[in-house]
C-alpha atoms as a PDB file:
ATOM      1  CA  GLY A   1      -9.884 -19.065 -45.011  1.00  0.00           C
ATOM      2  CA  GLY A   2     -13.080 -17.222 -45.004  1.00  0.00           C
ATOM      3  CA  GLY A   3     -15.384 -20.281 -44.817  1.00  0.00           C
ATOM      4  CA  GLU A   4     -14.185 -21.366 -41.377  1.00  0.00           C
ATOM      5  CA  GLY A   5     -15.382 -18.206 -39.631  1.00  0.00           C
ATOM      6  CA  ALA A   6     -18.830 -18.443 -41.200  1.00  0.00           C
ATOM      7  CA  ALA A   7     -19.236 -22.056 -40.045  1.00  0.00           C
ATOM      8  CA  LYS A   8     -18.780 -21.180 -36.339  1.00  0.00           C
ATOM      9  CA  LYS A   9     -21.954 -20.386 -34.439  1.00  0.00           C
ATOM     10  CA  LYS A  10     -22.136 -17.308 -32.299  1.00  0.00           C
ATOM     11  CA  LYS A  11     -22.743 -17.924 -28.631  1.00  0.00           C
ATOM     12  CA  LYS A  12     -25.489 -15.920 -26.996  1.00  0.00           C
ATOM     13  CA  LYS A  13     -24.452 -13.937 -23.979  1.00  0.00           C
ATOM     14  CA  LYS A  14     -26.480 -14.726 -20.907  1.00  0.00           C
ATOM     15  CA  ASN A  15     -27.556 -11.848 -18.729  1.00  0.00           C
ATOM     16  CA  LYS A  16     -25.861 -12.474 -15.428  1.00  0.00           C
ATOM     17  CA  LYS A  17     -27.071 -10.704 -12.340  1.00  0.00           C
ATOM     18  CA  LYS A  18     -24.281  -8.632 -10.918  1.00  0.00           C
ATOM     19  CA  LYS A  19     -23.672  -9.300  -7.276  1.00  0.00           C
ATOM     20  CA  LYS A  20     -23.505  -6.141  -5.245  1.00  0.00           C
ATOM     21  CA  PRO A  21     -20.208  -5.877  -3.389  1.00  0.00           C
ATOM     22  CA  ALA A  22     -20.571  -6.354   0.364  1.00  0.00           C
ATOM     23  CA  ALA A  23     -19.957  -3.314   2.509  1.00  0.00           C
ATOM     24  CA  GLU A  24     -16.484  -3.109   4.041  1.00  0.00           C
ATOM     25  CA  GLY A  25     -16.256  -5.280   7.128  1.00  0.00           C
ATOM     26  CA  SER A  26     -19.620  -6.969   6.618  1.00  0.00           C
ATOM     27  CA  ALA A  27     -20.373 -10.532   5.703  1.00  0.00           C
ATOM     28  CA  ASP A  28     -22.841 -11.485   3.038  1.00  0.00           C
ATOM     29  CA  ASP A  29     -24.137 -14.333   5.174  1.00  0.00           C
ATOM     30  CA  GLY A  30     -27.848 -13.603   5.153  1.00  0.00           C
ATOM     31  CA  PRO A  31     -29.853 -11.970   7.923  1.00  0.00           C
ATOM     32  CA  ALA A  32     -28.073 -10.730  11.015  1.00  0.00           C
ATOM     33  CA  PRO A  33     -28.077 -13.166  13.953  1.00  0.00           C
ATOM     34  CA  THR A  34     -29.723 -12.000  17.174  1.00  0.00           C
ATOM     35  CA  CYS A  35     -27.416 -13.621  19.731  1.00  0.00           C
ATOM     36  CA  GLN A  36     -23.883 -14.942  20.115  1.00  0.00           C
ATOM     37  CA  THR A  37     -22.961 -18.619  19.912  1.00  0.00           C
ATOM     38  CA  ASN A  38     -20.970 -20.544  22.518  1.00  0.00           C
ATOM     39  CA  PRO A  39     -18.066 -20.598  21.850  1.00  0.00           C
ATOM     40  CA  PRO A  40     -18.400 -17.165  20.254  1.00  0.00           C
ATOM     41  CA  SER A  41     -18.109 -17.356  16.473  1.00  0.00           C
ATOM     42  CA  ILE A  42     -20.209 -14.463  15.146  1.00  0.00           C
ATOM     43  CA  PRO A  43     -18.305 -11.201  14.627  1.00  0.00           C
ATOM     44  CA  VAL A  44     -19.897  -8.396  16.645  1.00  0.00           C
ATOM     45  CA  ASP A  45     -20.450  -6.285  13.540  1.00  0.00           C
ATOM     46  CA  ARG A  46     -22.930  -8.967  12.408  1.00  0.00           C
ATOM     47  CA  LEU A  47     -24.718  -8.814  15.762  1.00  0.00           C
ATOM     48  CA  PHE A  48     -25.021  -5.030  15.391  1.00  0.00           C
ATOM     49  CA  PRO A  49     -25.677  -4.610  11.642  1.00  0.00           C
ATOM     50  CA  ASP A  50     -26.545  -0.922  12.023  1.00  0.00           C
ATOM     51  CA  GLY A  51     -22.980  -0.337  13.295  1.00  0.00           C
ATOM     52  CA  ILE A  52     -24.184   1.205  16.563  1.00  0.00           C
ATOM     53  CA  TYR A  53     -22.751  -0.577  19.603  1.00  0.00           C
ATOM     54  CA  PRO A  54     -24.061  -0.519  23.200  1.00  0.00           C
ATOM     55  CA  LYS A  55     -23.059   2.472  25.291  1.00  0.00           C
ATOM     56  CA  GLY A  56     -22.572   0.600  28.536  1.00  0.00           C
ATOM     57  CA  GLU A  57     -22.558   2.430  31.851  1.00  0.00           C
ATOM     58  CA  GLU A  58     -22.533   6.215  31.754  1.00  0.00           C
ATOM     59  CA  CYS A  59     -21.597   8.123  34.890  1.00  0.00           C
ATOM     60  CA  VAL A  60     -22.989  11.555  35.662  1.00  0.00           C
ATOM     61  CA  TYR A  61     -20.421  14.284  36.186  1.00  0.00           C
ATOM     62  CA  GLY A  62     -20.683  16.001  39.542  1.00  0.00           C
ATOM     63  CA  ASN A  63     -19.279  18.932  41.451  1.00  0.00           C
ATOM     64  CA  ALA A  64     -16.711  20.965  39.507  1.00  0.00           C
ATOM     65  CA  ASN A  65     -17.114  18.791  36.374  1.00  0.00           C
ATOM     66  CA  ALA A  66     -20.903  19.194  36.021  1.00  0.00           C
ATOM     67  CA  TYR A  67     -20.328  21.745  33.236  1.00  0.00           C
ATOM     68  CA  ARG A  68     -19.231  18.855  30.968  1.00  0.00           C
ATOM     69  CA  SER A  69     -22.834  17.669  30.704  1.00  0.00           C
ATOM     70  CA  THR A  70     -24.592  21.047  30.985  1.00  0.00           C
ATOM     71  CA  SER A  71     -22.482  23.114  28.572  1.00  0.00           C
ATOM     72  CA  GLU A  72     -23.844  23.126  25.008  1.00  0.00           C
ATOM     73  CA  GLU A  73     -20.292  23.591  23.714  1.00  0.00           C
ATOM     74  CA  LYS A  74     -19.059  20.478  25.553  1.00  0.00           C
ATOM     75  CA  ARG A  75     -22.044  18.454  24.313  1.00  0.00           C
ATOM     76  CA  ALA A  76     -21.307  19.577  20.731  1.00  0.00           C
ATOM     77  CA  LEU A  77     -17.668  18.532  21.114  1.00  0.00           C
ATOM     78  CA  GLU A  78     -18.854  15.126  22.388  1.00  0.00           C
ATOM     79  CA  ARG A  79     -21.070  14.683  19.311  1.00  0.00           C
ATOM     80  CA  MET A  80     -18.072  15.379  17.060  1.00  0.00           C
ATOM     81  CA  GLU A  81     -16.342  12.338  18.571  1.00  0.00           C
ATOM     82  CA  ALA A  82     -19.227   9.926  17.819  1.00  0.00           C
ATOM     83  CA  ASP A  83     -17.142   7.784  15.412  1.00  0.00           C
ATOM     84  CA  LEU A  84     -14.290   7.486  17.898  1.00  0.00           C
ATOM     85  CA  TYR A  85     -16.724   6.465  20.661  1.00  0.00           C
ATOM     86  CA  ASN A  86     -18.370   3.905  18.407  1.00  0.00           C
ATOM     87  CA  ASP A  87     -14.959   2.350  17.608  1.00  0.00           C
ATOM     88  CA  VAL A  88     -14.286   2.063  21.336  1.00  0.00           C
ATOM     89  CA  ARG A  89     -17.739   0.581  21.941  1.00  0.00           C
ATOM     90  CA  ARG A  90     -17.152  -2.053  19.248  1.00  0.00           C
ATOM     91  CA  ALA A  91     -13.817  -3.046  20.796  1.00  0.00           C
ATOM     92  CA  SER A  92     -15.530  -3.066  24.215  1.00  0.00           C
ATOM     93  CA  GLU A  93     -18.280  -5.396  23.024  1.00  0.00           C
ATOM     94  CA  VAL A  94     -15.688  -7.829  21.652  1.00  0.00           C
ATOM     95  CA  HIS A  95     -13.846  -7.642  24.969  1.00  0.00           C
ATOM     96  CA  ARG A  96     -17.048  -8.210  26.975  1.00  0.00           C
ATOM     97  CA  GLN A  97     -18.078 -11.250  24.920  1.00  0.00           C
ATOM     98  CA  THR A  98     -14.574 -12.726  25.097  1.00  0.00           C
ATOM     99  CA  ARG A  99     -14.484 -12.283  28.897  1.00  0.00           C
ATOM    100  CA  LYS A 100     -17.812 -14.098  29.167  1.00  0.00           C
ATOM    101  CA  TYR A 101     -16.393 -16.926  27.041  1.00  0.00           C
ATOM    102  CA  ILE A 102     -13.229 -17.164  29.178  1.00  0.00           C
ATOM    103  CA  HIS A 103     -15.307 -17.676  32.325  1.00  0.00           C
ATOM    104  CA  SER A 104     -17.132 -20.553  30.621  1.00  0.00           C
ATOM    105  CA  PHE A 105     -14.059 -22.670  29.812  1.00  0.00           C
ATOM    106  CA  ILE A 106     -11.134 -21.854  32.088  1.00  0.00           C
ATOM    107  CA  LYS A 107     -10.408 -24.560  34.658  1.00  0.00           C
ATOM    108  CA  PRO A 108      -7.472 -26.389  36.232  1.00  0.00           C
ATOM    109  CA  GLY A 109      -5.689 -28.813  33.908  1.00  0.00           C
ATOM    110  CA  LEU A 110      -5.532 -26.505  30.870  1.00  0.00           C
ATOM    111  CA  LYS A 111      -2.169 -25.454  29.468  1.00  0.00           C
ATOM    112  CA  MET A 112      -1.586 -21.708  29.756  1.00  0.00           C
ATOM    113  CA  ILE A 113      -0.623 -21.542  26.068  1.00  0.00           C
ATOM    114  CA  ASP A 114      -3.967 -23.130  25.148  1.00  0.00           C
ATOM    115  CA  ILE A 115      -5.863 -20.621  27.302  1.00  0.00           C
ATOM    116  CA  CYS A 116      -4.065 -17.714  25.615  1.00  0.00           C
ATOM    117  CA  GLU A 117      -4.638 -19.121  22.132  1.00  0.00           C
ATOM    118  CA  ARG A 118      -8.364 -19.602  22.785  1.00  0.00           C
ATOM    119  CA  ILE A 119      -8.670 -16.031  24.062  1.00  0.00           C
ATOM    120  CA  GLU A 120      -6.759 -14.563  21.118  1.00  0.00           C
ATOM    121  CA  ASN A 121      -8.629 -16.674  18.546  1.00  0.00           C
ATOM    122  CA  SER A 122     -11.920 -15.510  20.033  1.00  0.00           C
ATOM    123  CA  VAL A 123     -10.839 -11.871  19.751  1.00  0.00           C
ATOM    124  CA  ARG A 124      -9.666 -12.389  16.152  1.00  0.00           C
ATOM    125  CA  THR A 125     -13.025 -13.903  15.195  1.00  0.00           C
ATOM    126  CA  LEU A 126     -15.280 -11.440  17.008  1.00  0.00           C
ATOM    127  CA  ILE A 127     -13.416  -8.332  15.891  1.00  0.00           C
ATOM    128  CA  ARG A 128     -12.705  -9.551  12.315  1.00  0.00           C
ATOM    129  CA  GLU A 129      -8.981  -9.024  12.670  1.00  0.00           C
ATOM    130  CA  ASN A 130      -7.754  -6.636  10.001  1.00  0.00           C
ATOM    131  CA  GLY A 131      -4.100  -5.693  10.416  1.00  0.00           C
ATOM    132  CA  LEU A 132      -3.715  -2.336  12.134  1.00  0.00           C
ATOM    133  CA  LYS A 133      -7.409  -1.481  11.789  1.00  0.00           C
ATOM    134  CA  ALA A 134      -8.790  -4.106  14.182  1.00  0.00           C
ATOM    135  CA  GLY A 135      -7.449  -6.934  16.275  1.00  0.00           C
ATOM    136  CA  ILE A 136      -5.562  -7.956  19.378  1.00  0.00           C
ATOM    137  CA  ALA A 137      -4.090  -4.969  21.205  1.00  0.00           C
ATOM    138  CA  PHE A 138      -1.171  -6.877  22.759  1.00  0.00           C
ATOM    139  CA  PRO A 139      -0.200 -10.465  23.632  1.00  0.00           C
ATOM    140  CA  THR A 140      -2.460 -12.025  26.243  1.00  0.00           C
ATOM    141  CA  GLY A 141      -0.961 -12.037  29.716  1.00  0.00           C
ATOM    142  CA  CYS A 142      -1.725 -15.011  31.941  1.00  0.00           C
ATOM    143  CA  SER A 143       0.424 -14.715  35.024  1.00  0.00           C
ATOM    144  CA  LEU A 144       0.385 -17.384  37.722  1.00  0.00           C
ATOM    145  CA  ASN A 145       0.799 -17.073  41.479  1.00  0.00           C
ATOM    146  CA  HIS A 146       3.867 -14.950  42.396  1.00  0.00           C
ATOM    147  CA  VAL A 147       4.145 -13.373  38.919  1.00  0.00           C
ATOM    148  CA  ALA A 148       2.247 -10.086  39.211  1.00  0.00           C
ATOM    149  CA  ALA A 149       1.517  -9.381  35.542  1.00  0.00           C
ATOM    150  CA  HIS A 150       2.580  -9.428  31.888  1.00  0.00           C
ATOM    151  CA  TRP A 151       3.761 -13.029  31.610  1.00  0.00           C
ATOM    152  CA  THR A 152       2.872 -14.698  28.330  1.00  0.00           C
ATOM    153  CA  PRO A 153       3.747 -18.306  27.513  1.00  0.00           C
ATOM    154  CA  ASN A 154       5.977 -18.918  24.519  1.00  0.00           C
ATOM    155  CA  ALA A 155       5.267 -21.586  21.926  1.00  0.00           C
ATOM    156  CA  GLY A 156       6.011 -24.994  23.386  1.00  0.00           C
ATOM    157  CA  ASP A 157       5.543 -23.873  27.008  1.00  0.00           C
ATOM    158  CA  GLU A 158       3.989 -26.741  28.974  1.00  0.00           C
ATOM    159  CA  THR A 159       2.865 -24.746  32.046  1.00  0.00           C
ATOM    160  CA  VAL A 160      -0.520 -26.037  33.257  1.00  0.00           C
ATOM    161  CA  LEU A 161      -3.083 -24.209  35.384  1.00  0.00           C
ATOM    162  CA  GLN A 162      -3.313 -26.139  38.677  1.00  0.00           C
ATOM    163  CA  TYR A 163      -6.068 -26.216  41.270  1.00  0.00           C
ATOM    164  CA  GLY A 164      -5.183 -23.559  43.860  1.00  0.00           C
ATOM    165  CA  ASP A 165      -3.189 -21.389  41.409  1.00  0.00           C
ATOM    166  CA  VAL A 166      -3.929 -17.688  41.281  1.00  0.00           C
ATOM    167  CA  CYS A 167      -4.252 -16.857  37.577  1.00  0.00           C
ATOM    168  CA  LYS A 168      -4.292 -13.256  36.370  1.00  0.00           C
ATOM    169  CA  LEU A 169      -5.556 -12.769  32.799  1.00  0.00           C
ATOM    170  CA  ASP A 170      -4.978  -9.567  30.842  1.00  0.00           C
ATOM    171  CA  PHE A 171      -6.014  -9.127  27.227  1.00  0.00           C
ATOM    172  CA  GLY A 172      -6.886  -6.241  24.980  1.00  0.00           C
ATOM    173  CA  THR A 173      -8.776  -5.457  21.799  1.00  0.00           C
ATOM    174  CA  HIS A 174      -8.411  -2.496  19.484  1.00  0.00           C
ATOM    175  CA  ILE A 175     -10.191  -0.727  16.661  1.00  0.00           C
ATOM    176  CA  ASN A 176      -8.108   1.833  14.759  1.00  0.00           C
ATOM    177  CA  GLY A 177      -5.544   1.827  17.562  1.00  0.00           C
ATOM    178  CA  ARG A 178      -8.072   2.577  20.301  1.00  0.00           C
ATOM    179  CA  ILE A 179      -7.369  -0.049  22.955  1.00  0.00           C
ATOM    180  CA  ILE A 180      -9.785  -1.658  25.384  1.00  0.00           C
ATOM    181  CA  ASP A 181      -7.949  -3.497  28.146  1.00  0.00           C
ATOM    182  CA  CYS A 182      -9.069  -5.403  31.192  1.00  0.00           C
ATOM    183  CA  ALA A 183      -7.332  -7.699  33.636  1.00  0.00           C
ATOM    184  CA  PHE A 184      -8.965 -10.014  36.141  1.00  0.00           C
ATOM    185  CA  THR A 185      -8.058 -12.847  38.497  1.00  0.00           C
END
């Protein structure tokens, strides 16, 4: 009995530094990078660590709508929507960077399914896909020639982009259900 317990040595507890939990949606990967890689691999929230995304082009209201920018009440209502606008700006920045990437790689000889997968994987990475909170807004459309829009290749589709084809690409991003969409030829 009692002698066995006395023979065991007590282990000293080491003081371990507690790691602070990372903020939601951030990566604990060191200092924030200053520019995107090619192909894009850095989520935009790391490129904008303060969480404020570029505004982009702002158009001045004119004529009958000038009151929207001169009315104090309208300006106050705009300020109340700051979080919504920032969500849209984040999704827009992901969309802009993905579009830039698309222009760098798309060329004749690529399978349409591979083009779509590269686009969607880029969006997933840049937006930090998170279920219904952030991700791809809808399947990427990549219609060829006589097909006007909304064609998406299924798995196993062997359609290849040919020289002389007219290719229409349409993809979207979303943050909290707020969709940014753009199509181009």
